[in-house]
Amino acid sequence: EAELPLVPAAAEALGRMLARLEGEDEARVRKVVVRLATEGAPNVNLPAISGLRFAGDEKSRAVLENIASDRIELSNVRAHATKELGRFQKPGSVEVLAALLKDEDRGVRSEALESLRRVLPSERTRVELYALSSPYSDISQPAASFLSTRGDPVELVARLSEINDPEVQRRLRYGLVRRRAAPTDQVG
């Protein structure tokens, strides 16, 4: 019983070790960490998820993406996996994170947006265009505000036709014209 408080720390430590292991040892430890991340108690699976992020490999990223996308999983577990994807900072997660912006769980959506900002730190307009496609106003409205006042004009003009909402298109055109960021013949 005295060892039970150590289990969460051990779960994360095992994940952190994955990058240094090879062959059978790596496979055996990975199996344990993935099981803890996907089936463990909440006090164990969150550290195991963090451990997978520290492993830093594509297999671990795929597990994190699956956990984050699993709508049956607990909300806090999904949000944590989403946050760890952002800390992972691999562009391969962009599509999964963009899809999570449309998730019905507000915590998951919020973490997905923050994670996209971490994965694409120099591409704020691209991130906000992803956010604009969310059906949830807590994600899409701040994105529309950013894009209309500070979005990259070249990228906005190029992708304006991809925006389905005519009101948002009008708002973005007006923002570009008001900022004198693009010739009116390109946006009008």
N, C-alpha and C. Protein backbone atom coordinates (compact mmCIF):
# COMPACT_ATOMS: atom_id res chain seq x y z
N GLU A 1 0.80 -1.20 0.00
CA GLU A 1 0.00 0.00 0.00
C GLU A 1 0.85 1.26 0.00
N ALA A 2 1.96 1.24 0.68
CA ALA A 2 2.83 2.42 0.73
C ALA A 2 3.38 2.75 -0.65
N GLU A 3 3.39 1.79 -1.57
CA GLU A 3 3.93 2.01 -2.90
C GLU A 3 2.92 2.60 -3.87
N LEU A 4 1.63 2.58 -3.55
CA LEU A 4 0.59 3.08 -4.45
C LEU A 4 0.79 4.53 -4.85
N PRO A 5 1.20 5.43 -3.96
CA PRO A 5 1.43 6.82 -4.40
C PRO A 5 2.53 6.95 -5.45
N LEU A 6 3.38 5.96 -5.57
CA LEU A 6 4.47 6.02 -6.54
C LEU A 6 4.04 5.60 -7.94
N VAL A 7 2.89 4.97 -8.07
CA VAL A 7 2.46 4.44 -9.36
C VAL A 7 2.33 5.53 -10.42
N PRO A 8 1.69 6.68 -10.15
CA PRO A 8 1.62 7.72 -11.19
C PRO A 8 3.00 8.19 -11.66
N ALA A 9 3.90 8.40 -10.72
CA ALA A 9 5.26 8.84 -11.10
C ALA A 9 5.96 7.75 -11.90
N ALA A 10 5.75 6.51 -11.54
CA ALA A 10 6.37 5.40 -12.27
C ALA A 10 5.82 5.31 -13.68
N ALA A 11 4.51 5.57 -13.85
CA ALA A 11 3.90 5.52 -15.18
C ALA A 11 4.53 6.56 -16.10
N GLU A 12 4.72 7.77 -15.58
CA GLU A 12 5.36 8.81 -16.40
C GLU A 12 6.82 8.48 -16.66
N ALA A 13 7.51 7.99 -15.65
CA ALA A 13 8.93 7.64 -15.81
C ALA A 13 9.12 6.57 -16.87
N LEU A 14 8.24 5.59 -16.90
CA LEU A 14 8.34 4.54 -17.92
C LEU A 14 8.19 5.15 -19.31
N GLY A 15 7.26 6.06 -19.47
CA GLY A 15 7.08 6.72 -20.77
C GLY A 15 8.31 7.51 -21.16
N ARG A 16 8.89 8.20 -20.21
CA ARG A 16 10.09 8.98 -20.49
C ARG A 16 11.26 8.08 -20.90
N MET A 17 11.27 6.87 -20.40
CA MET A 17 12.36 5.93 -20.72
C MET A 17 12.27 5.36 -22.13
N LEU A 18 11.11 5.39 -22.73
CA LEU A 18 10.91 4.76 -24.03
C LEU A 18 11.93 5.19 -25.07
N ALA A 19 12.29 6.44 -25.07
CA ALA A 19 13.23 6.95 -26.08
C ALA A 19 14.62 6.31 -25.96
N ARG A 20 14.91 5.78 -24.79
CA ARG A 20 16.25 5.22 -24.56
C ARG A 20 16.28 3.69 -24.68
N LEU A 21 15.13 3.11 -24.88
CA LEU A 21 15.05 1.64 -24.94
C LEU A 21 15.00 1.16 -26.38
N GLU A 22 15.38 -0.11 -26.56
CA GLU A 22 15.35 -0.70 -27.91
C GLU A 22 14.83 -2.12 -27.82
N GLY A 23 14.42 -2.64 -28.96
CA GLY A 23 14.04 -4.04 -29.09
C GLY A 23 12.92 -4.48 -28.16
N GLU A 24 13.12 -5.64 -27.55
CA GLU A 24 12.10 -6.23 -26.69
C GLU A 24 11.80 -5.37 -25.47
N ASP A 25 12.82 -4.74 -24.92
CA ASP A 25 12.61 -3.89 -23.75
C ASP A 25 11.68 -2.73 -24.11
N GLU A 26 11.94 -2.11 -25.25
CA GLU A 26 11.10 -0.99 -25.69
C GLU A 26 9.67 -1.45 -25.91
N ALA A 27 9.48 -2.57 -26.58
CA ALA A 27 8.15 -3.09 -26.87
C ALA A 27 7.39 -3.43 -25.59
N ARG A 28 8.07 -4.05 -24.65
CA ARG A 28 7.44 -4.43 -23.39
C ARG A 28 7.02 -3.21 -22.57
N VAL A 29 7.93 -2.24 -22.46
CA VAL A 29 7.62 -1.03 -21.70
C VAL A 29 6.54 -0.22 -22.40
N ARG A 30 6.62 -0.12 -23.73
CA ARG A 30 5.60 0.63 -24.48
C ARG A 30 4.22 0.03 -24.24
N LYS A 31 4.13 -1.29 -24.27
CA LYS A 31 2.85 -1.96 -24.05
C LYS A 31 2.26 -1.57 -22.69
N VAL A 32 3.11 -1.54 -21.68
CA VAL A 32 2.66 -1.18 -20.33
C VAL A 32 2.21 0.27 -20.28
N VAL A 33 3.00 1.18 -20.85
CA VAL A 33 2.68 2.60 -20.79
C VAL A 33 1.40 2.90 -21.58
N VAL A 34 1.26 2.30 -22.75
CA VAL A 34 0.04 2.51 -23.54
C VAL A 34 -1.17 1.98 -22.79
N ARG A 35 -1.04 0.82 -22.17
CA ARG A 35 -2.15 0.27 -21.39
C ARG A 35 -2.51 1.20 -20.23
N LEU A 36 -1.52 1.72 -19.53
CA LEU A 36 -1.78 2.65 -18.43
C LEU A 36 -2.42 3.95 -18.95
N ALA A 37 -1.99 4.41 -20.11
CA ALA A 37 -2.54 5.65 -20.67
C ALA A 37 -3.97 5.48 -21.14
N THR A 38 -4.30 4.31 -21.64
CA THR A 38 -5.63 4.10 -22.22
C THR A 38 -6.61 3.40 -21.28
N GLU A 39 -6.10 2.66 -20.32
CA GLU A 39 -6.99 1.88 -19.45
C GLU A 39 -6.78 2.15 -17.96
N GLY A 40 -5.77 2.92 -17.61
CA GLY A 40 -5.44 3.13 -16.21
C GLY A 40 -6.43 4.05 -15.51
N ALA A 41 -6.36 4.04 -14.20
CA ALA A 41 -7.16 4.96 -13.39
C ALA A 41 -6.72 6.39 -13.69
N PRO A 42 -7.62 7.37 -13.48
CA PRO A 42 -7.28 8.77 -13.82
C PRO A 42 -5.99 9.28 -13.18
N ASN A 43 -5.66 8.83 -11.99
CA ASN A 43 -4.43 9.31 -11.38
C ASN A 43 -3.19 8.67 -12.00
N VAL A 44 -3.39 7.64 -12.82
CA VAL A 44 -2.28 6.95 -13.48
C VAL A 44 -2.23 7.27 -14.97
N ASN A 45 -3.39 7.36 -15.62
CA ASN A 45 -3.33 7.55 -17.07
C ASN A 45 -2.86 8.94 -17.47
N LEU A 46 -3.12 9.95 -16.67
CA LEU A 46 -2.62 11.28 -17.03
C LEU A 46 -1.09 11.33 -17.02
N PRO A 47 -0.43 10.82 -15.98
CA PRO A 47 1.04 10.78 -16.04
C PRO A 47 1.58 9.88 -17.16
N ALA A 48 0.89 8.79 -17.45
CA ALA A 48 1.32 7.91 -18.54
C ALA A 48 1.23 8.64 -19.88
N ILE A 49 0.18 9.44 -20.05
CA ILE A 49 0.03 10.25 -21.27
C ILE A 49 1.19 11.24 -21.37
N SER A 50 1.53 11.87 -20.26
CA SER A 50 2.67 12.80 -20.26
C SER A 50 3.96 12.06 -20.60
N GLY A 51 4.12 10.86 -20.07
CA GLY A 51 5.30 10.07 -20.37
C GLY A 51 5.42 9.75 -21.85
N LEU A 52 4.29 9.47 -22.49
CA LEU A 52 4.31 9.20 -23.93
C LEU A 52 4.78 10.43 -24.71
N ARG A 53 4.38 11.60 -24.26
CA ARG A 53 4.85 12.82 -24.93
C ARG A 53 6.36 12.93 -24.83
N PHE A 54 6.91 12.61 -23.67
CA PHE A 54 8.36 12.68 -23.51
C PHE A 54 9.08 11.63 -24.33
N ALA A 55 8.40 10.53 -24.66
CA ALA A 55 9.02 9.51 -25.51
C ALA A 55 9.38 10.12 -26.86
N GLY A 56 8.51 11.00 -27.37
CA GLY A 56 8.84 11.79 -28.54
C GLY A 56 8.83 11.08 -29.88
N ASP A 57 8.26 9.89 -29.96
CA ASP A 57 8.26 9.17 -31.23
C ASP A 57 6.87 9.16 -31.86
N GLU A 58 6.82 8.70 -33.11
CA GLU A 58 5.57 8.71 -33.85
C GLU A 58 4.52 7.75 -33.27
N LYS A 59 4.97 6.62 -32.74
CA LYS A 59 4.02 5.69 -32.12
C LYS A 59 3.34 6.35 -30.93
N SER A 60 4.10 7.05 -30.14
CA SER A 60 3.54 7.74 -28.97
C SER A 60 2.59 8.84 -29.40
N ARG A 61 2.97 9.57 -30.44
CA ARG A 61 2.10 10.65 -30.95
C ARG A 61 0.77 10.07 -31.42
N ALA A 62 0.83 8.93 -32.10
CA ALA A 62 -0.40 8.30 -32.58
C ALA A 62 -1.31 7.90 -31.42
N VAL A 63 -0.72 7.39 -30.34
CA VAL A 63 -1.52 7.03 -29.17
C VAL A 63 -2.17 8.28 -28.58
N LEU A 64 -1.40 9.35 -28.46
CA LEU A 64 -1.96 10.60 -27.93
C LEU A 64 -3.10 11.11 -28.81
N GLU A 65 -2.93 11.04 -30.12
CA GLU A 65 -3.98 11.49 -31.04
C GLU A 65 -5.24 10.64 -30.88
N ASN A 66 -5.06 9.33 -30.72
CA ASN A 66 -6.22 8.45 -30.54
C ASN A 66 -6.95 8.76 -29.24
N ILE A 67 -6.21 8.98 -28.17
CA ILE A 67 -6.85 9.30 -26.89
C ILE A 67 -7.59 10.63 -27.00
N ALA A 68 -6.96 11.63 -27.57
CA ALA A 68 -7.58 12.95 -27.70
C ALA A 68 -8.85 12.90 -28.55
N SER A 69 -8.88 12.04 -29.55
CA SER A 69 -10.02 11.95 -30.47
C SER A 69 -11.11 11.01 -30.01
N ASP A 70 -10.86 10.23 -28.98
CA ASP A 70 -11.81 9.22 -28.50
C ASP A 70 -12.92 9.87 -27.68
N ARG A 71 -14.07 10.04 -28.28
CA ARG A 71 -15.19 10.74 -27.63
C ARG A 71 -15.77 9.96 -26.45
N ILE A 72 -15.41 8.72 -26.31
CA ILE A 72 -15.89 7.92 -25.18
C ILE A 72 -15.01 8.14 -23.95
N GLU A 73 -13.78 8.58 -24.18
CA GLU A 73 -12.82 8.81 -23.08
C GLU A 73 -13.29 9.97 -22.20
N LEU A 74 -12.85 9.98 -20.96
CA LEU A 74 -13.18 11.07 -20.04
C LEU A 74 -12.67 12.40 -20.58
N SER A 75 -13.42 13.44 -20.33
CA SER A 75 -13.10 14.78 -20.83
C SER A 75 -11.72 15.25 -20.39
N ASN A 76 -11.39 15.10 -19.11
CA ASN A 76 -10.10 15.60 -18.64
C ASN A 76 -8.94 14.80 -19.24
N VAL A 77 -9.16 13.55 -19.53
CA VAL A 77 -8.12 12.72 -20.15
C VAL A 77 -7.91 13.17 -21.59
N ARG A 78 -8.99 13.40 -22.31
CA ARG A 78 -8.89 13.87 -23.70
C ARG A 78 -8.21 15.24 -23.76
N ALA A 79 -8.60 16.13 -22.85
CA ALA A 79 -8.00 17.47 -22.83
C ALA A 79 -6.50 17.38 -22.53
N HIS A 80 -6.14 16.48 -21.62
CA HIS A 80 -4.72 16.32 -21.28
C HIS A 80 -3.93 15.77 -22.47
N ALA A 81 -4.48 14.79 -23.16
CA ALA A 81 -3.80 14.25 -24.34
C ALA A 81 -3.66 15.33 -25.41
N THR A 82 -4.68 16.17 -25.55
CA THR A 82 -4.64 17.26 -26.53
C THR A 82 -3.55 18.26 -26.16
N LYS A 83 -3.46 18.59 -24.88
CA LYS A 83 -2.42 19.51 -24.40
C LYS A 83 -1.03 18.93 -24.65
N GLU A 84 -0.88 17.63 -24.41
CA GLU A 84 0.43 16.99 -24.63
C GLU A 84 0.79 16.96 -26.11
N LEU A 85 -0.20 16.88 -26.99
CA LEU A 85 0.09 16.96 -28.43
C LEU A 85 0.69 18.32 -28.77
N GLY A 86 0.19 19.37 -28.12
CA GLY A 86 0.76 20.69 -28.34
C GLY A 86 2.19 20.77 -27.85
N ARG A 87 2.44 20.17 -26.70
CA ARG A 87 3.80 20.16 -26.15
C ARG A 87 4.73 19.30 -27.00
N PHE A 88 4.17 18.32 -27.68
CA PHE A 88 4.92 17.44 -28.58
C PHE A 88 5.50 18.24 -29.74
N GLN A 89 4.73 19.23 -30.21
CA GLN A 89 5.12 20.15 -31.27
C GLN A 89 5.52 19.47 -32.58
N LYS A 90 4.71 18.52 -33.01
CA LYS A 90 4.95 17.84 -34.29
C LYS A 90 3.87 18.27 -35.28
N PRO A 91 4.27 18.81 -36.44
CA PRO A 91 3.29 19.24 -37.44
C PRO A 91 2.34 18.12 -37.90
N GLY A 92 2.74 16.87 -37.72
CA GLY A 92 1.86 15.77 -38.10
C GLY A 92 0.56 15.73 -37.33
N SER A 93 0.48 16.45 -36.22
CA SER A 93 -0.74 16.47 -35.39
C SER A 93 -1.70 17.58 -35.79
N VAL A 94 -1.34 18.41 -36.74
CA VAL A 94 -2.15 19.57 -37.09
C VAL A 94 -3.57 19.17 -37.47
N GLU A 95 -3.73 18.17 -38.32
CA GLU A 95 -5.07 17.80 -38.78
C GLU A 95 -5.94 17.29 -37.63
N VAL A 96 -5.37 16.51 -36.75
CA VAL A 96 -6.12 16.00 -35.59
C VAL A 96 -6.52 17.17 -34.69
N LEU A 97 -5.58 18.06 -34.43
CA LEU A 97 -5.88 19.21 -33.57
C LEU A 97 -6.93 20.12 -34.22
N ALA A 98 -6.84 20.32 -35.52
CA ALA A 98 -7.83 21.14 -36.22
C ALA A 98 -9.22 20.50 -36.12
N ALA A 99 -9.29 19.19 -36.23
CA ALA A 99 -10.57 18.50 -36.09
C ALA A 99 -11.13 18.64 -34.68
N LEU A 100 -10.24 18.66 -33.69
CA LEU A 100 -10.68 18.79 -32.30
C LEU A 100 -11.25 20.17 -31.99
N LEU A 101 -11.00 21.15 -32.84
CA LEU A 101 -11.61 22.47 -32.67
C LEU A 101 -13.12 22.40 -32.85
N LYS A 102 -13.61 21.33 -33.46
CA LYS A 102 -15.04 21.14 -33.69
C LYS A 102 -15.66 20.21 -32.66
N ASP A 103 -14.90 19.82 -31.65
CA ASP A 103 -15.38 18.88 -30.64
C ASP A 103 -16.42 19.55 -29.75
N GLU A 104 -17.40 18.77 -29.31
CA GLU A 104 -18.46 19.33 -28.46
C GLU A 104 -17.97 19.66 -27.06
N ASP A 105 -16.84 19.12 -26.65
CA ASP A 105 -16.29 19.37 -25.32
C ASP A 105 -15.46 20.65 -25.33
N ARG A 106 -15.91 21.62 -24.58
CA ARG A 106 -15.25 22.94 -24.56
C ARG A 106 -13.79 22.85 -24.12
N GLY A 107 -13.48 22.02 -23.13
CA GLY A 107 -12.11 21.88 -22.65
C GLY A 107 -11.20 21.31 -23.72
N VAL A 108 -11.69 20.35 -24.47
CA VAL A 108 -10.91 19.76 -25.56
C VAL A 108 -10.68 20.79 -26.66
N ARG A 109 -11.74 21.53 -27.01
CA ARG A 109 -11.61 22.58 -28.04
C ARG A 109 -10.56 23.62 -27.65
N SER A 110 -10.65 24.06 -26.41
CA SER A 110 -9.74 25.08 -25.93
C SER A 110 -8.28 24.59 -25.96
N GLU A 111 -8.05 23.37 -25.50
CA GLU A 111 -6.70 22.80 -25.53
C GLU A 111 -6.22 22.60 -26.96
N ALA A 112 -7.15 22.23 -27.85
CA ALA A 112 -6.78 22.04 -29.26
C ALA A 112 -6.28 23.35 -29.87
N LEU A 113 -6.94 24.45 -29.54
CA LEU A 113 -6.52 25.74 -30.07
C LEU A 113 -5.15 26.13 -29.52
N GLU A 114 -4.96 25.97 -28.22
CA GLU A 114 -3.65 26.28 -27.63
C GLU A 114 -2.56 25.38 -28.21
N SER A 115 -2.89 24.13 -28.42
CA SER A 115 -1.92 23.19 -28.98
C SER A 115 -1.55 23.54 -30.41
N LEU A 116 -2.55 23.94 -31.20
CA LEU A 116 -2.24 24.37 -32.57
C LEU A 116 -1.31 25.57 -32.56
N ARG A 117 -1.53 26.48 -31.63
CA ARG A 117 -0.65 27.65 -31.53
C ARG A 117 0.78 27.24 -31.18
N ARG A 118 0.93 26.18 -30.39
CA ARG A 118 2.28 25.71 -30.05
C ARG A 118 2.92 25.00 -31.23
N VAL A 119 2.12 24.21 -31.95
CA VAL A 119 2.66 23.43 -33.08
C VAL A 119 3.00 24.35 -34.26
N LEU A 120 2.23 25.41 -34.43
CA LEU A 120 2.43 26.34 -35.55
C LEU A 120 2.68 27.75 -35.01
N PRO A 121 3.75 27.96 -34.26
CA PRO A 121 3.95 29.24 -33.58
C PRO A 121 4.12 30.45 -34.49
N SER A 122 4.59 30.25 -35.68
CA SER A 122 4.80 31.38 -36.59
C SER A 122 3.71 31.48 -37.65
N GLU A 123 2.63 30.72 -37.49
CA GLU A 123 1.55 30.70 -38.48
C GLU A 123 0.21 31.01 -37.84
N ARG A 124 0.13 32.14 -37.18
CA ARG A 124 -1.09 32.49 -36.43
C ARG A 124 -2.31 32.60 -37.35
N THR A 125 -2.15 33.15 -38.53
CA THR A 125 -3.29 33.27 -39.44
C THR A 125 -3.81 31.89 -39.82
N ARG A 126 -2.94 30.97 -40.09
CA ARG A 126 -3.35 29.60 -40.43
C ARG A 126 -4.12 28.97 -39.26
N VAL A 127 -3.61 29.15 -38.05
CA VAL A 127 -4.28 28.60 -36.86
C VAL A 127 -5.67 29.19 -36.73
N GLU A 128 -5.78 30.50 -36.89
CA GLU A 128 -7.08 31.16 -36.73
C GLU A 128 -8.05 30.80 -37.86
N LEU A 129 -7.52 30.49 -39.03
CA LEU A 129 -8.40 30.01 -40.11
C LEU A 129 -8.97 28.63 -39.76
N TYR A 130 -8.15 27.79 -39.15
CA TYR A 130 -8.67 26.51 -38.66
C TYR A 130 -9.76 26.77 -37.62
N ALA A 131 -9.49 27.68 -36.69
CA ALA A 131 -10.45 27.98 -35.62
C ALA A 131 -11.75 28.55 -36.18
N LEU A 132 -11.64 29.29 -37.24
CA LEU A 132 -12.81 29.90 -37.86
C LEU A 132 -13.82 28.85 -38.34
N SER A 133 -13.33 27.66 -38.66
CA SER A 133 -14.22 26.60 -39.16
C SER A 133 -14.96 25.88 -38.03
N SER A 134 -14.67 26.21 -36.78
CA SER A 134 -15.36 25.57 -35.66
C SER A 134 -16.81 26.05 -35.60
N PRO A 135 -17.73 25.12 -35.35
CA PRO A 135 -19.13 25.54 -35.22
C PRO A 135 -19.43 26.20 -33.87
N TYR A 136 -18.43 26.27 -33.01
CA TYR A 136 -18.62 26.81 -31.67
C TYR A 136 -18.05 28.23 -31.58
N SER A 137 -18.88 29.16 -31.13
CA SER A 137 -18.50 30.57 -31.13
C SER A 137 -17.34 30.87 -30.19
N ASP A 138 -17.15 30.06 -29.14
CA ASP A 138 -16.02 30.33 -28.25
C ASP A 138 -14.68 30.16 -28.96
N ILE A 139 -14.68 29.45 -30.07
CA ILE A 139 -13.47 29.27 -30.87
C ILE A 139 -13.51 30.15 -32.13
N SER A 140 -14.64 30.16 -32.82
CA SER A 140 -14.71 30.84 -34.12
C SER A 140 -14.78 32.37 -34.02
N GLN A 141 -15.47 32.91 -33.03
CA GLN A 141 -15.60 34.37 -32.95
C GLN A 141 -14.29 35.08 -32.64
N PRO A 142 -13.50 34.61 -31.65
CA PRO A 142 -12.19 35.25 -31.46
C PRO A 142 -11.30 35.11 -32.70
N ALA A 143 -11.44 34.00 -33.41
CA ALA A 143 -10.65 33.81 -34.63
C ALA A 143 -11.05 34.85 -35.68
N ALA A 144 -12.33 35.07 -35.84
CA ALA A 144 -12.80 36.06 -36.81
C ALA A 144 -12.31 37.45 -36.43
N SER A 145 -12.33 37.76 -35.14
CA SER A 145 -11.85 39.07 -34.68
C SER A 145 -10.36 39.24 -35.00
N PHE A 146 -9.58 38.22 -34.69
CA PHE A 146 -8.14 38.29 -34.98
C PHE A 146 -7.90 38.46 -36.48
N LEU A 147 -8.55 37.63 -37.26
CA LEU A 147 -8.31 37.66 -38.71
C LEU A 147 -8.71 39.00 -39.32
N SER A 148 -9.78 39.60 -38.85
CA SER A 148 -10.23 40.87 -39.43
C SER A 148 -9.32 42.03 -39.05
N THR A 149 -8.63 41.92 -37.92
CA THR A 149 -7.79 43.03 -37.48
C THR A 149 -6.29 42.80 -37.69
N ARG A 150 -5.85 41.53 -37.64
CA ARG A 150 -4.41 41.28 -37.69
C ARG A 150 -4.02 40.10 -38.58
N GLY A 151 -4.96 39.45 -39.24
CA GLY A 151 -4.63 38.30 -40.07
C GLY A 151 -3.74 38.68 -41.25
N ASP A 152 -2.91 37.74 -41.67
CA ASP A 152 -2.01 37.96 -42.80
C ASP A 152 -2.84 38.20 -44.06
N PRO A 153 -2.73 39.40 -44.67
CA PRO A 153 -3.57 39.73 -45.82
C PRO A 153 -3.42 38.78 -47.00
N VAL A 154 -2.21 38.37 -47.30
CA VAL A 154 -1.98 37.50 -48.45
C VAL A 154 -2.69 36.17 -48.25
N GLU A 155 -2.54 35.58 -47.08
CA GLU A 155 -3.19 34.30 -46.81
C GLU A 155 -4.71 34.45 -46.74
N LEU A 156 -5.18 35.54 -46.15
CA LEU A 156 -6.62 35.76 -46.07
C LEU A 156 -7.26 35.88 -47.44
N VAL A 157 -6.65 36.69 -48.31
CA VAL A 157 -7.20 36.87 -49.66
C VAL A 157 -7.21 35.53 -50.40
N ALA A 158 -6.15 34.76 -50.24
CA ALA A 158 -6.05 33.48 -50.94
C ALA A 158 -7.09 32.48 -50.45
N ARG A 159 -7.48 32.56 -49.18
CA ARG A 159 -8.38 31.55 -48.61
C ARG A 159 -9.78 32.07 -48.30
N LEU A 160 -10.07 33.29 -48.67
CA LEU A 160 -11.37 33.88 -48.38
C LEU A 160 -12.52 33.07 -48.97
N SER A 161 -12.32 32.51 -50.15
CA SER A 161 -13.40 31.75 -50.80
C SER A 161 -13.69 30.43 -50.08
N GLU A 162 -12.78 29.97 -49.23
CA GLU A 162 -12.99 28.72 -48.48
C GLU A 162 -13.91 28.92 -47.27
N ILE A 163 -14.17 30.15 -46.92
CA ILE A 163 -15.00 30.45 -45.76
C ILE A 163 -16.46 30.41 -46.18
N ASN A 164 -17.23 29.56 -45.53
CA ASN A 164 -18.62 29.31 -45.94
C ASN A 164 -19.61 30.38 -45.49
N ASP A 165 -19.35 31.02 -44.39
CA ASP A 165 -20.30 31.98 -43.82
C ASP A 165 -20.14 33.34 -44.52
N PRO A 166 -21.17 33.78 -45.27
CA PRO A 166 -21.06 35.06 -45.99
C PRO A 166 -20.84 36.26 -45.06
N GLU A 167 -21.41 36.22 -43.86
CA GLU A 167 -21.23 37.31 -42.90
C GLU A 167 -19.77 37.40 -42.45
N VAL A 168 -19.15 36.25 -42.22
CA VAL A 168 -17.74 36.24 -41.82
C VAL A 168 -16.87 36.69 -42.98
N GLN A 169 -17.20 36.27 -44.19
CA GLN A 169 -16.44 36.73 -45.37
C GLN A 169 -16.51 38.25 -45.47
N ARG A 170 -17.71 38.80 -45.29
CA ARG A 170 -17.89 40.24 -45.36
C ARG A 170 -17.06 40.93 -44.27
N ARG A 171 -17.10 40.38 -43.07
CA ARG A 171 -16.35 40.96 -41.95
C ARG A 171 -14.84 40.97 -42.24
N LEU A 172 -14.34 39.89 -42.81
CA LEU A 172 -12.92 39.80 -43.11
C LEU A 172 -12.54 40.75 -44.25
N ARG A 173 -13.40 40.83 -45.29
CA ARG A 173 -13.14 41.79 -46.38
C ARG A 173 -13.09 43.21 -45.84
N TYR A 174 -14.07 43.54 -45.02
CA TYR A 174 -14.13 44.88 -44.43
C TYR A 174 -12.86 45.16 -43.61
N GLY A 175 -12.43 44.19 -42.83
CA GLY A 175 -11.22 44.35 -42.03
C GLY A 175 -10.00 44.59 -42.90
N LEU A 176 -9.89 43.85 -43.99
CA LEU A 176 -8.75 44.05 -44.91
C LEU A 176 -8.78 45.44 -45.54
N VAL A 177 -9.96 45.87 -45.97
CA VAL A 177 -10.09 47.18 -46.60
C VAL A 177 -9.82 48.27 -45.57
N ARG A 178 -10.40 48.14 -44.37
CA ARG A 178 -10.21 49.13 -43.31
C ARG A 178 -8.72 49.27 -42.94
N ARG A 179 -8.01 48.16 -42.93
CA ARG A 179 -6.57 48.19 -42.61
C ARG A 179 -5.72 48.61 -43.80
N ARG A 180 -6.37 48.71 -44.96
CA ARG A 180 -5.65 49.01 -46.21
C ARG A 180 -4.57 47.96 -46.43
N ALA A 181 -4.96 46.72 -46.13
CA ALA A 181 -4.01 45.60 -46.18
C ALA A 181 -4.02 44.88 -47.52
N ALA A 182 -5.05 45.12 -48.31
CA ALA A 182 -5.12 44.46 -49.62
C ALA A 182 -5.87 45.38 -50.58
N PRO A 183 -5.51 45.34 -51.85
CA PRO A 183 -6.25 46.15 -52.83
C PRO A 183 -7.72 45.72 -52.85
N THR A 184 -8.61 46.69 -52.93
CA THR A 184 -10.05 46.40 -52.88
C THR A 184 -10.50 45.53 -54.04
N ASP A 185 -9.82 45.56 -55.18
CA ASP A 185 -10.22 44.71 -56.29
C ASP A 185 -9.93 43.23 -56.00
N GLN A 186 -9.02 42.93 -55.08
CA GLN A 186 -8.73 41.53 -54.73
C GLN A 186 -9.71 40.99 -53.69
N VAL A 187 -10.31 41.83 -52.90
CA VAL A 187 -11.19 41.37 -51.83
C VAL A 187 -12.64 41.67 -52.09
N GLY A 188 -12.97 42.39 -53.05
CA GLY A 188 -14.34 42.81 -53.24
C GLY A 188 -14.99 42.14 -54.36
